[in-house]
Protein backbone atom coordinates (compact mmCIF):
# COMPACT_ATOMS: atom_id res chain seq x y z
CA MET A 1 -26.19 -1.96 -27.53
CA THR A 2 -26.77 -0.85 -23.96
CA PRO A 3 -28.50 -3.09 -21.42
CA SER A 4 -31.62 -0.94 -21.59
CA GLU A 5 -31.78 -1.50 -25.37
CA ARG A 6 -31.86 -5.28 -25.01
CA THR A 7 -35.25 -6.87 -25.49
CA GLY A 8 -36.79 -10.28 -25.00
CA SER A 9 -35.68 -10.69 -21.39
CA ASP A 10 -37.76 -10.42 -18.26
CA ARG A 11 -34.60 -10.33 -16.18
CA ARG A 12 -33.50 -7.02 -14.64
CA GLU A 13 -30.59 -5.50 -16.46
CA PRO A 14 -27.33 -4.52 -14.76
CA THR A 15 -26.33 -0.90 -14.42
CA GLU A 16 -23.18 0.48 -16.05
CA GLN A 17 -21.45 0.36 -12.65
CA GLN A 18 -22.38 -3.31 -12.24
CA LEU A 19 -21.17 -4.08 -15.76
CA GLU A 20 -17.87 -2.37 -14.98
CA LYS A 21 -17.46 -4.54 -11.87
CA MET A 22 -18.16 -7.64 -13.96
CA ARG A 23 -15.58 -6.56 -16.56
CA HIS A 24 -13.04 -5.95 -13.80
CA ALA A 25 -13.76 -9.36 -12.26
CA VAL A 26 -12.94 -11.19 -15.49
CA GLY A 27 -10.03 -8.97 -16.55
CA TRP A 28 -11.83 -7.68 -19.63
CA PRO A 29 -11.00 -7.85 -22.51
CA LYS A 30 -8.45 -10.64 -22.00
CA CYS A 31 -10.69 -12.58 -19.57
CA TYR A 32 -7.77 -14.04 -17.62
CA ARG A 33 -9.48 -14.32 -14.21
CA ASN A 34 -12.94 -14.58 -12.69
CA TYR A 35 -13.21 -13.25 -9.16
CA TYR A 36 -13.94 -10.05 -7.29
CA THR A 37 -13.39 -9.72 -3.55
CA THR A 38 -15.33 -7.01 -1.77
CA SER A 39 -17.54 -6.37 1.23
CA ALA A 40 -20.13 -9.10 1.74
CA ASP A 41 -22.85 -6.46 1.67
CA ASP A 42 -21.85 -4.95 -1.70
CA ALA A 43 -25.22 -3.97 -3.18
CA ASP A 44 -24.03 -4.21 -6.81
CA TRP A 45 -22.68 -7.75 -6.49
CA ASN A 46 -25.65 -8.97 -4.47
CA ALA A 47 -27.95 -7.55 -7.18
CA LEU A 48 -25.89 -9.33 -9.87
CA VAL A 49 -26.30 -12.58 -7.92
CA ALA A 50 -30.08 -12.01 -7.78
CA MET A 51 -30.11 -11.40 -11.56
CA GLY A 52 -28.17 -14.61 -12.23
CA TYR A 53 -25.10 -12.82 -13.62
CA ALA A 54 -22.86 -13.59 -10.62
CA GLN A 55 -22.40 -16.15 -7.92
CA ARG A 56 -21.10 -15.68 -4.40
CA GLY A 57 -18.30 -18.05 -3.52
CA ARG A 58 -16.34 -19.05 -0.47
CA THR A 59 -14.64 -16.32 1.47
CA PRO A 60 -11.05 -16.95 2.54
CA SER A 61 -10.73 -17.22 6.32
CA TYR A 62 -8.25 -14.34 6.48
CA ILE A 63 -10.88 -11.87 5.20
CA PRO A 64 -13.99 -12.80 7.21
CA ASP A 65 -16.01 -9.64 6.46
CA ASP A 66 -15.55 -9.90 2.70
CA ALA A 67 -16.95 -12.14 -0.01
CA CYS A 68 -15.67 -13.46 -3.32
CA TYR A 69 -17.98 -13.11 -6.29
CA PHE A 70 -17.68 -14.81 -9.66
CA VAL A 71 -19.30 -13.94 -12.99
CA THR A 72 -21.57 -16.76 -14.18
CA GLN A 73 -21.79 -18.05 -17.73
CA ALA A 74 -24.91 -15.90 -18.18
CA GLY A 75 -22.85 -12.88 -17.09
CA LEU A 76 -20.04 -13.74 -19.47
CA ASP A 77 -22.54 -14.21 -22.29
CA LEU A 78 -24.00 -10.77 -21.52
CA LEU A 79 -20.55 -9.13 -21.60
CA LEU A 80 -19.79 -10.78 -24.94
CA GLU A 81 -23.15 -9.66 -26.33
CA LEU A 82 -22.63 -6.06 -25.24
CA TRP A 83 -19.01 -5.76 -26.34
């Protein structure tokens, strides 16, 4: 089932590119990590945060222009539902 085929949710659905970033963040399919470091103004990750599928965490001091993002439980649940 693709995100656009899901029903019963008034939440915006992530794009395929955003889903791929979420899968990469968690090390899909083994799910052995949960972080993704990228530019603080990454539109995909900031959209995922707005949708509730990701959370922005602390940025290490040695990479001040970047941000660390984490997939939330809602994001993990979505990945499990789709795959």
